[in-house]
Amino acid sequence: MFVESMINITVKLSIDLRCYRPSLKINESMSIAVPDDTTLLELLTNILQIPAHAVAIPIVNGEKCKLEQSLKKDDQVAFWPPMGGG
C-alpha cells in the first residue's frame, strides 16, 4: 500500500480572503498538513476551497511566485487578492 508523504506548511490569508475562513482572526495564520509536492493551485482550490480568480498574488517564504509552484516542508504561504486603486 502506498502512503502519501505529508508536509506541514503555514498559510496566511489577507483580510479580504478571510471570508473563506471566517474563524481566522486578523493576522492569524493556520498550519496545514498537505501531501508533499502539492502546488499552490491545489492548495488554494482543492484544500482551502478558494477560487483561483480570488487570488492575484501568491507568496511563498516572502517571495511572489506562480500558482504552479510546488510546496515544500515548512513553507510560509500567503495569498493576496487583486487590488484596486485609483
Protein backbone atom coordinates (compact mmCIF):
# COMPACT_ATOMS: atom_id res chain seq x y z
CA MET A 1 0.00 0.00 0.00
CA PHE A 2 1.28 3.47 -0.94
CA VAL A 3 1.24 6.04 1.87
CA GLU A 4 1.47 9.62 0.70
CA SER A 5 4.12 11.72 2.43
CA MET A 6 2.68 14.77 4.18
CA ILE A 7 4.38 18.08 4.94
CA ASN A 8 3.39 20.92 7.25
CA ILE A 9 3.01 24.43 5.89
CA THR A 10 1.68 27.69 7.31
CA VAL A 11 -0.94 29.72 5.44
CA LYS A 12 -1.90 33.33 5.98
CA LEU A 13 -4.84 34.92 4.19
CA SER A 14 -5.28 38.63 3.57
CA ILE A 15 -8.22 40.21 5.35
CA ASP A 16 -10.21 40.16 2.08
CA LEU A 17 -9.78 36.39 1.73
CA ARG A 18 -10.66 35.54 5.33
CA CYS A 19 -14.30 35.30 4.24
CA TYR A 20 -13.30 31.78 3.13
CA ARG A 21 -12.07 31.04 6.68
CA PRO A 22 -14.22 33.23 8.96
CA SER A 23 -12.86 31.57 12.10
CA LEU A 24 -9.41 33.11 11.45
CA LYS A 25 -8.66 36.23 13.43
CA ILE A 26 -6.85 39.21 11.88
CA ASN A 27 -3.16 38.35 11.35
CA GLU A 28 -3.77 34.73 12.39
CA SER A 29 -2.18 32.01 10.28
CA MET A 30 -3.08 28.35 10.05
CA SER A 31 -0.91 25.27 9.99
CA ILE A 32 -1.94 22.68 7.43
CA ALA A 33 -0.61 19.23 6.55
CA VAL A 34 -0.63 18.70 2.78
CA PRO A 35 0.76 15.99 0.50
CA ASP A 36 4.40 16.56 -0.45
CA ASP A 37 4.71 18.49 -3.75
CA THR A 38 1.21 19.96 -3.53
CA THR A 39 1.10 23.03 -5.78
CA LEU A 40 -0.18 26.41 -4.66
CA LEU A 41 -3.12 25.99 -7.03
CA GLU A 42 -4.03 22.63 -5.47
CA LEU A 43 -3.73 24.13 -2.00
CA LEU A 44 -5.89 27.08 -2.96
CA THR A 45 -8.68 25.31 -4.85
CA ASN A 46 -8.74 21.74 -3.51
CA ILE A 47 -7.72 22.18 0.12
CA LEU A 48 -8.69 25.74 1.06
CA GLN A 49 -11.55 25.82 -1.49
CA ILE A 50 -10.81 29.39 -2.53
CA PRO A 51 -11.44 30.17 -6.21
CA ALA A 52 -8.22 30.90 -8.10
CA HIS A 53 -9.67 34.14 -9.50
CA ALA A 54 -9.88 35.49 -5.92
CA VAL A 55 -6.07 35.50 -5.63
CA ALA A 56 -3.76 37.81 -7.56
CA ILE A 57 -0.57 37.44 -5.56
CA PRO A 58 0.59 34.10 -4.15
CA ILE A 59 3.65 34.37 -1.89
CA VAL A 60 5.89 31.60 -0.58
CA ASN A 61 8.53 32.38 2.02
CA GLY A 62 8.23 36.10 1.31
CA GLU A 63 8.61 35.84 -2.48
CA LYS A 64 5.92 36.28 -5.11
CA CYS A 65 5.53 33.13 -7.18
CA LYS A 66 3.26 31.31 -9.62
CA LEU A 67 0.38 29.05 -8.64
CA GLU A 68 2.18 26.12 -10.31
CA GLN A 69 4.92 26.20 -7.65
CA SER A 70 5.18 23.06 -5.52
CA LEU A 71 5.21 23.41 -1.76
CA LYS A 72 7.96 22.10 0.49
CA LYS A 73 8.11 21.34 4.21
CA ASP A 74 7.71 24.39 6.47
CA ASP A 75 6.85 26.79 3.63
CA GLN A 76 5.16 30.01 4.71
CA VAL A 77 2.35 30.78 2.26
CA ALA A 78 0.31 33.97 1.89
CA PHE A 79 -2.43 34.82 -0.57
CA TRP A 80 -3.46 38.34 -1.58
CA PRO A 81 -6.49 39.28 -3.70
CA PRO A 82 -6.50 41.61 -6.70
CA MET A 83 -6.00 45.18 -5.57
CA GLY A 84 -7.99 48.10 -6.88
CA GLY A 85 -6.93 51.68 -6.74
CA GLY A 86 -7.10 54.96 -8.35
